Amino acid sequence: GWNPHGRPVILNARKNTYTFETNGGSIIDSITDYTVGISYKPVKDGFIFVGWYDNPVLMGNPVELPYYSDKKTTLYARWLDPSHFEESEGLIKVDGVINGIGDCTDDVLFINSPVSSFAFNGCNTVKHVYFGEGATSIGNSSFQSCTSLITVTFASDISPNIGANAFGYSWGKDEFKVYVPEEKYEYYKNCTSENWQTYIVEAGKLYTY
């Protein structure tokens, strides 16, 4: 349901005091409310905010917002250094190229290697993908039919070689967004990948951070 202030309320929930450990990011004061809404997002110069975690070692996947818990009421921010970051574990790689989800069960993927065509085709667990400088190419239809995918973030200043229909059937969703470095927006905007202009640029799916 929804409370009179327009914030979602978990049925049978009670108000909790939530605190935020931003790990070097901007300070967010503690709140007492039914849920932590999507507006609670810190900033940190030179870093990308990945999400809130319910444990200080940032294990597992980030919490879903709006967030409610009676027990885990401290949230911890995870940041991504765009110049370098560790790649997700468990992915299938052949000769340095990713060609499958493998044993990885994370709903947030960190990719710092080239990706082959159809590598994640039909994967329904991945929600967010971060591409580092090592992801120099993304193959044709590599993330086609990833039904849960809602954000893609490019951390590299140089746009990779993006194959045709790389994010097929994802970009048709209203919530789907592609994030690129603010100072390199024009590079990504002018990407010549097939369908990129129609489904990413003209559809207003391209954002900066």
C-alpha atoms as a PDB file:
ATOM      1  CA  GLY A   1       0.000   0.000   0.000  1.00  0.00           C
ATOM      2  CA  TRP A   2       0.871   3.685   0.044  1.00  0.00           C
ATOM      3  CA  ASN A   3       0.894   6.145   2.899  1.00  0.00           C
ATOM      4  CA  PRO A   4      -0.510   9.692   2.575  1.00  0.00           C
ATOM      5  CA  HIS A   5       2.966  11.020   1.788  1.00  0.00           C
ATOM      6  CA  GLY A   6       3.215   8.950  -1.370  1.00  0.00           C
ATOM      7  CA  ARG A   7       5.761   6.431  -0.044  1.00  0.00           C
ATOM      8  CA  PRO A   8       5.169   2.685  -0.264  1.00  0.00           C
ATOM      9  CA  VAL A   9       4.316   0.966   3.022  1.00  0.00           C
ATOM     10  CA  ILE A  10       4.986  -2.712   3.657  1.00  0.00           C
ATOM     11  CA  LEU A  11       1.816  -4.313   5.000  1.00  0.00           C
ATOM     12  CA  ASN A  12       2.021  -5.087   8.735  1.00  0.00           C
ATOM     13  CA  ALA A  13       5.304  -3.146   8.953  1.00  0.00           C
ATOM     14  CA  ARG A  14       6.255  -0.646  11.609  1.00  0.00           C
ATOM     15  CA  LYS A  15       8.532   2.354  11.457  1.00  0.00           C
ATOM     16  CA  ASN A  16      12.234   1.702  11.986  1.00  0.00           C
ATOM     17  CA  THR A  17      15.231   3.982  12.353  1.00  0.00           C
ATOM     18  CA  TYR A  18      17.554   3.368   9.403  1.00  0.00           C
ATOM     19  CA  THR A  19      21.170   4.546   9.360  1.00  0.00           C
ATOM     20  CA  PHE A  20      23.457   4.904   6.352  1.00  0.00           C
ATOM     21  CA  GLU A  21      27.178   4.141   6.199  1.00  0.00           C
ATOM     22  CA  THR A  22      28.222   5.818   2.963  1.00  0.00           C
ATOM     23  CA  ASN A  23      31.860   4.651   3.035  1.00  0.00           C
ATOM     24  CA  GLY A  24      33.348   8.000   2.086  1.00  0.00           C
ATOM     25  CA  GLY A  25      30.335   9.317   0.202  1.00  0.00           C
ATOM     26  CA  SER A  26      28.079  12.239   1.049  1.00  0.00           C
ATOM     27  CA  ILE A  27      26.439  12.059   4.469  1.00  0.00           C
ATOM     28  CA  ILE A  28      22.858  10.832   4.661  1.00  0.00           C
ATOM     29  CA  ASP A  29      21.145  11.418   7.993  1.00  0.00           C
ATOM     30  CA  SER A  30      19.338   8.593   9.739  1.00  0.00           C
ATOM     31  CA  ILE A  31      15.617   8.354   9.056  1.00  0.00           C
ATOM     32  CA  THR A  32      12.667   6.898  10.947  1.00  0.00           C
ATOM     33  CA  ASP A  33      10.155   5.583   8.461  1.00  0.00           C
ATOM     34  CA  TYR A  34       8.436   2.454   7.170  1.00  0.00           C
ATOM     35  CA  THR A  35      10.867   2.002   4.288  1.00  0.00           C
ATOM     36  CA  VAL A  36      14.046   3.359   2.736  1.00  0.00           C
ATOM     37  CA  GLY A  37      12.921   4.894  -0.552  1.00  0.00           C
ATOM     38  CA  ILE A  38      14.736   5.142  -3.847  1.00  0.00           C
ATOM     39  CA  SER A  39      15.719   8.780  -3.234  1.00  0.00           C
ATOM     40  CA  TYR A  40      18.370   7.847  -0.654  1.00  0.00           C
ATOM     41  CA  LYS A  41      21.412   7.869  -2.920  1.00  0.00           C
ATOM     42  CA  PRO A  42      24.818   9.272  -1.880  1.00  0.00           C
ATOM     43  CA  VAL A  43      27.492  10.744  -4.153  1.00  0.00           C
ATOM     44  CA  LYS A  44      31.263  10.386  -4.090  1.00  0.00           C
ATOM     45  CA  ASP A  45      33.541  12.311  -6.416  1.00  0.00           C
ATOM     46  CA  GLY A  46      35.176  10.056  -9.001  1.00  0.00           C
ATOM     47  CA  PHE A  47      33.166   6.962  -8.072  1.00  0.00           C
ATOM     48  CA  ILE A  48      29.967   5.252  -9.213  1.00  0.00           C
ATOM     49  CA  PHE A  49      27.371   4.323  -6.580  1.00  0.00           C
ATOM     50  CA  VAL A  50      26.472   0.647  -7.014  1.00  0.00           C
ATOM     51  CA  GLY A  51      23.851   0.304  -4.291  1.00  0.00           C
ATOM     52  CA  TRP A  52      23.065  -0.298  -0.624  1.00  0.00           C
ATOM     53  CA  TYR A  53      24.074  -3.521   1.103  1.00  0.00           C
ATOM     54  CA  ASP A  54      22.767  -4.904   4.385  1.00  0.00           C
ATOM     55  CA  ASN A  55      26.234  -6.002   5.583  1.00  0.00           C
ATOM     56  CA  PRO A  56      29.509  -4.118   6.081  1.00  0.00           C
ATOM     57  CA  VAL A  57      31.577  -6.482   3.918  1.00  0.00           C
ATOM     58  CA  LEU A  58      29.252  -5.845   0.948  1.00  0.00           C
ATOM     59  CA  MET A  59      28.610  -9.507   0.264  1.00  0.00           C
ATOM     60  CA  GLY A  60      25.780 -10.760  -1.928  1.00  0.00           C
ATOM     61  CA  ASN A  61      23.565  -8.479  -3.947  1.00  0.00           C
ATOM     62  CA  PRO A  62      22.434  -4.938  -3.109  1.00  0.00           C
ATOM     63  CA  VAL A  63      19.092  -4.565  -1.364  1.00  0.00           C
ATOM     64  CA  GLU A  64      15.982  -3.796  -3.350  1.00  0.00           C
ATOM     65  CA  LEU A  65      14.490  -0.347  -2.881  1.00  0.00           C
ATOM     66  CA  PRO A  66      12.134   0.534  -1.303  1.00  0.00           C
ATOM     67  CA  TYR A  67      13.732  -1.458   1.517  1.00  0.00           C
ATOM     68  CA  TYR A  68      12.201  -2.733   4.747  1.00  0.00           C
ATOM     69  CA  SER A  69      13.733  -4.797   7.538  1.00  0.00           C
ATOM     70  CA  ASP A  70      13.133  -5.086  11.266  1.00  0.00           C
ATOM     71  CA  LYS A  71      16.613  -6.480  11.890  1.00  0.00           C
ATOM     72  CA  LYS A  72      19.072  -5.079   9.345  1.00  0.00           C
ATOM     73  CA  THR A  73      18.545  -1.346   9.693  1.00  0.00           C
ATOM     74  CA  THR A  74      22.049  -0.141   8.823  1.00  0.00           C
ATOM     75  CA  LEU A  75      22.785   0.092   5.103  1.00  0.00           C
ATOM     76  CA  TYR A  76      26.269   0.260   3.589  1.00  0.00           C
ATOM     77  CA  ALA A  77      27.170   1.944   0.306  1.00  0.00           C
ATOM     78  CA  ARG A  78      29.233   0.172  -2.331  1.00  0.00           C
ATOM     79  CA  TRP A  79      31.289   2.248  -4.757  1.00  0.00           C
ATOM     80  CA  LEU A  80      32.897   1.426  -8.074  1.00  0.00           C
ATOM     81  CA  ASP A  81      36.192   2.949  -9.166  1.00  0.00           C
ATOM     82  CA  PRO A  82      35.652   3.439 -12.910  1.00  0.00           C
ATOM     83  CA  SER A  83      39.369   3.213 -13.661  1.00  0.00           C
ATOM     84  CA  HIS A  84      39.637  -0.344 -12.332  1.00  0.00           C
ATOM     85  CA  PHE A  85      37.412  -2.915 -10.684  1.00  0.00           C
ATOM     86  CA  GLU A  86      37.328  -6.629 -10.055  1.00  0.00           C
ATOM     87  CA  GLU A  87      35.324  -8.767 -12.457  1.00  0.00           C
ATOM     88  CA  SER A  88      32.430 -10.893 -11.216  1.00  0.00           C
ATOM     89  CA  GLU A  89      33.454 -14.441 -10.323  1.00  0.00           C
ATOM     90  CA  GLY A  90      32.126 -17.587 -11.957  1.00  0.00           C
ATOM     91  CA  LEU A  91      31.744 -16.290 -15.510  1.00  0.00           C
ATOM     92  CA  ILE A  92      32.791 -18.584 -18.361  1.00  0.00           C
ATOM     93  CA  LYS A  93      35.861 -17.220 -20.150  1.00  0.00           C
ATOM     94  CA  VAL A  94      37.741 -18.636 -23.135  1.00  0.00           C
ATOM     95  CA  ASP A  95      41.012 -16.983 -24.170  1.00  0.00           C
ATOM     96  CA  GLY A  96      40.124 -13.927 -22.129  1.00  0.00           C
ATOM     97  CA  VAL A  97      36.664 -13.477 -23.666  1.00  0.00           C
ATOM     98  CA  ILE A  98      33.457 -13.948 -21.640  1.00  0.00           C
ATOM     99  CA  ASN A  99      31.004 -16.289 -23.326  1.00  0.00           C
ATOM    100  CA  GLY A 100      28.583 -17.353 -20.586  1.00  0.00           C
ATOM    101  CA  ILE A 101      27.112 -16.715 -17.150  1.00  0.00           C
ATOM    102  CA  GLY A 102      28.716 -19.874 -15.751  1.00  0.00           C
ATOM    103  CA  ASP A 103      28.356 -20.275 -11.988  1.00  0.00           C
ATOM    104  CA  CYS A 104      27.767 -16.584 -11.348  1.00  0.00           C
ATOM    105  CA  THR A 105      24.453 -15.983  -9.575  1.00  0.00           C
ATOM    106  CA  ASP A 106      24.879 -12.243  -8.933  1.00  0.00           C
ATOM    107  CA  ASP A 107      22.147  -9.925 -10.167  1.00  0.00           C
ATOM    108  CA  VAL A 108      24.816  -7.209 -10.539  1.00  0.00           C
ATOM    109  CA  LEU A 109      27.580  -8.028 -13.039  1.00  0.00           C
ATOM    110  CA  PHE A 110      30.997  -6.350 -13.159  1.00  0.00           C
ATOM    111  CA  ILE A 111      32.608  -6.989 -16.526  1.00  0.00           C
ATOM    112  CA  ASN A 112      36.177  -6.028 -17.404  1.00  0.00           C
ATOM    113  CA  SER A 113      36.780  -8.273 -20.428  1.00  0.00           C
ATOM    114  CA  PRO A 114      35.452  -8.541 -23.995  1.00  0.00           C
ATOM    115  CA  VAL A 115      32.067 -10.269 -24.288  1.00  0.00           C
ATOM    116  CA  SER A 116      31.224 -12.709 -27.082  1.00  0.00           C
ATOM    117  CA  SER A 117      28.007 -12.733 -29.101  1.00  0.00           C
ATOM    118  CA  PHE A 118      24.989 -14.255 -27.299  1.00  0.00           C
ATOM    119  CA  ALA A 119      27.091 -14.683 -24.123  1.00  0.00           C
ATOM    120  CA  PHE A 120      24.212 -13.887 -21.747  1.00  0.00           C
ATOM    121  CA  ASN A 121      21.341 -14.530 -24.150  1.00  0.00           C
ATOM    122  CA  GLY A 122      18.206 -15.438 -22.172  1.00  0.00           C
ATOM    123  CA  CYS A 123      19.756 -14.897 -18.729  1.00  0.00           C
ATOM    124  CA  ASN A 124      16.933 -13.831 -16.397  1.00  0.00           C
ATOM    125  CA  THR A 125      18.939 -13.156 -13.215  1.00  0.00           C
ATOM    126  CA  VAL A 126      21.039 -10.140 -14.208  1.00  0.00           C
ATOM    127  CA  LYS A 127      19.570  -6.737 -13.320  1.00  0.00           C
ATOM    128  CA  HIS A 128      22.541  -4.374 -13.581  1.00  0.00           C
ATOM    129  CA  VAL A 129      25.741  -4.547 -15.657  1.00  0.00           C
ATOM    130  CA  TYR A 130      28.895  -2.443 -15.223  1.00  0.00           C
ATOM    131  CA  PHE A 131      31.475  -2.408 -18.034  1.00  0.00           C
ATOM    132  CA  GLY A 132      35.078  -1.443 -17.267  1.00  0.00           C
ATOM    133  CA  GLU A 133      37.905  -0.406 -19.537  1.00  0.00           C
ATOM    134  CA  GLY A 134      38.753  -4.032 -20.286  1.00  0.00           C
ATOM    135  CA  ALA A 135      35.353  -4.597 -21.918  1.00  0.00           C
ATOM    136  CA  THR A 136      36.612  -3.399 -25.295  1.00  0.00           C
ATOM    137  CA  SER A 137      33.903  -5.196 -27.275  1.00  0.00           C
ATOM    138  CA  ILE A 138      30.370  -6.427 -26.632  1.00  0.00           C
ATOM    139  CA  GLY A 139      29.193  -8.986 -29.145  1.00  0.00           C
ATOM    140  CA  ASN A 140      26.025  -9.158 -31.207  1.00  0.00           C
ATOM    141  CA  SER A 141      22.942  -9.912 -29.080  1.00  0.00           C
ATOM    142  CA  SER A 142      25.209 -10.575 -26.100  1.00  0.00           C
ATOM    143  CA  PHE A 143      22.505  -9.538 -23.616  1.00  0.00           C
ATOM    144  CA  GLN A 144      19.497 -10.320 -25.775  1.00  0.00           C
ATOM    145  CA  SER A 145      16.357 -11.431 -23.918  1.00  0.00           C
ATOM    146  CA  CYS A 146      17.814 -10.710 -20.479  1.00  0.00           C
ATOM    147  CA  THR A 147      14.359 -10.175 -19.036  1.00  0.00           C
ATOM    148  CA  SER A 148      15.488  -8.668 -15.710  1.00  0.00           C
ATOM    149  CA  LEU A 149      18.112  -6.262 -17.073  1.00  0.00           C
ATOM    150  CA  ILE A 150      17.254  -2.634 -16.246  1.00  0.00           C
ATOM    151  CA  THR A 151      20.539  -0.689 -16.126  1.00  0.00           C
ATOM    152  CA  VAL A 152      23.793  -0.782 -18.053  1.00  0.00           C
ATOM    153  CA  THR A 153      26.705   1.421 -16.953  1.00  0.00           C
ATOM    154  CA  PHE A 154      29.798   2.079 -19.056  1.00  0.00           C
ATOM    155  CA  ALA A 155      32.760   3.173 -16.933  1.00  0.00           C
ATOM    156  CA  SER A 156      35.254   3.545 -19.770  1.00  0.00           C
ATOM    157  CA  ASP A 157      36.020   6.914 -21.382  1.00  0.00           C
ATOM    158  CA  ILE A 158      36.333   5.108 -24.715  1.00  0.00           C
ATOM    159  CA  SER A 159      33.148   3.503 -25.991  1.00  0.00           C
ATOM    160  CA  PRO A 160      33.668  -0.204 -26.747  1.00  0.00           C
ATOM    161  CA  ASN A 161      32.765  -1.881 -30.010  1.00  0.00           C
ATOM    162  CA  ILE A 162      29.087  -2.652 -29.370  1.00  0.00           C
ATOM    163  CA  GLY A 163      27.528  -5.352 -31.527  1.00  0.00           C
ATOM    164  CA  ALA A 164      24.134  -5.196 -33.198  1.00  0.00           C
ATOM    165  CA  ASN A 165      21.171  -5.691 -30.888  1.00  0.00           C
ATOM    166  CA  ALA A 166      23.521  -6.078 -27.910  1.00  0.00           C
ATOM    167  CA  PHE A 167      20.684  -5.379 -25.465  1.00  0.00           C
ATOM    168  CA  GLY A 168      17.814  -6.708 -27.543  1.00  0.00           C
ATOM    169  CA  TYR A 169      14.382  -6.801 -25.879  1.00  0.00           C
ATOM    170  CA  SER A 170      15.713  -4.978 -22.807  1.00  0.00           C
ATOM    171  CA  TRP A 171      15.612  -1.476 -24.216  1.00  0.00           C
ATOM    172  CA  GLY A 172      11.876  -1.808 -24.859  1.00  0.00           C
ATOM    173  CA  LYS A 173      11.176  -1.616 -21.113  1.00  0.00           C
ATOM    174  CA  ASP A 174      10.328   1.791 -19.642  1.00  0.00           C
ATOM    175  CA  GLU A 175      12.776   1.410 -16.755  1.00  0.00           C
ATOM    176  CA  PHE A 176      15.747   0.375 -18.919  1.00  0.00           C
ATOM    177  CA  LYS A 177      18.585   2.942 -18.831  1.00  0.00           C
ATOM    178  CA  VAL A 178      22.155   3.164 -20.139  1.00  0.00           C
ATOM    179  CA  TYR A 179      24.602   5.292 -18.121  1.00  0.00           C
ATOM    180  CA  VAL A 180      27.835   6.747 -19.535  1.00  0.00           C
ATOM    181  CA  PRO A 181      30.476   9.194 -18.201  1.00  0.00           C
ATOM    182  CA  GLU A 182      29.123  12.734 -18.432  1.00  0.00           C
ATOM    183  CA  GLU A 183      32.201  14.098 -20.203  1.00  0.00           C
ATOM    184  CA  LYS A 184      32.029  11.317 -22.827  1.00  0.00           C
ATOM    185  CA  TYR A 185      28.326  11.518 -23.566  1.00  0.00           C
ATOM    186  CA  GLU A 186      28.843  12.549 -27.210  1.00  0.00           C
ATOM    187  CA  TYR A 187      31.140   9.571 -27.856  1.00  0.00           C
ATOM    188  CA  TYR A 188      28.493   7.124 -26.740  1.00  0.00           C
ATOM    189  CA  LYS A 189      25.647   9.062 -28.297  1.00  0.00           C
ATOM    190  CA  ASN A 190      27.300   8.754 -31.705  1.00  0.00           C
ATOM    191  CA  CYS A 191      27.954   5.033 -31.442  1.00  0.00           C
ATOM    192  CA  THR A 192      27.255   3.428 -34.822  1.00  0.00           C
ATOM    193  CA  SER A 193      26.103   0.051 -33.501  1.00  0.00           C
ATOM    194  CA  GLU A 194      22.985  -1.200 -35.268  1.00  0.00           C
ATOM    195  CA  ASN A 195      19.815  -0.264 -33.315  1.00  0.00           C
ATOM    196  CA  TRP A 196      21.791   1.911 -30.861  1.00  0.00           C
ATOM    197  CA  GLN A 197      20.538   5.183 -32.324  1.00  0.00           C
ATOM    198  CA  THR A 198      16.912   4.085 -32.538  1.00  0.00           C
ATOM    199  CA  TYR A 199      16.516   2.203 -29.284  1.00  0.00           C
ATOM    200  CA  ILE A 200      19.022   3.968 -27.039  1.00  0.00           C
ATOM    201  CA  VAL A 201      19.522   7.533 -28.247  1.00  0.00           C
ATOM    202  CA  GLU A 202      16.218   8.445 -29.887  1.00  0.00           C
ATOM    203  CA  ALA A 203      14.244   6.575 -27.241  1.00  0.00           C
ATOM    204  CA  GLY A 204      15.876   8.648 -24.507  1.00  0.00           C
ATOM    205  CA  LYS A 205      17.544   5.698 -22.784  1.00  0.00           C
ATOM    206  CA  LEU A 206      21.009   7.294 -22.609  1.00  0.00           C
ATOM    207  CA  TYR A 207      21.910   8.999 -19.295  1.00  0.00           C
ATOM    208  CA  THR A 208      25.070  10.378 -17.717  1.00  0.00           C
ATOM    209  CA  TYR A 209      26.550  10.008 -14.259  1.00  0.00           C
END
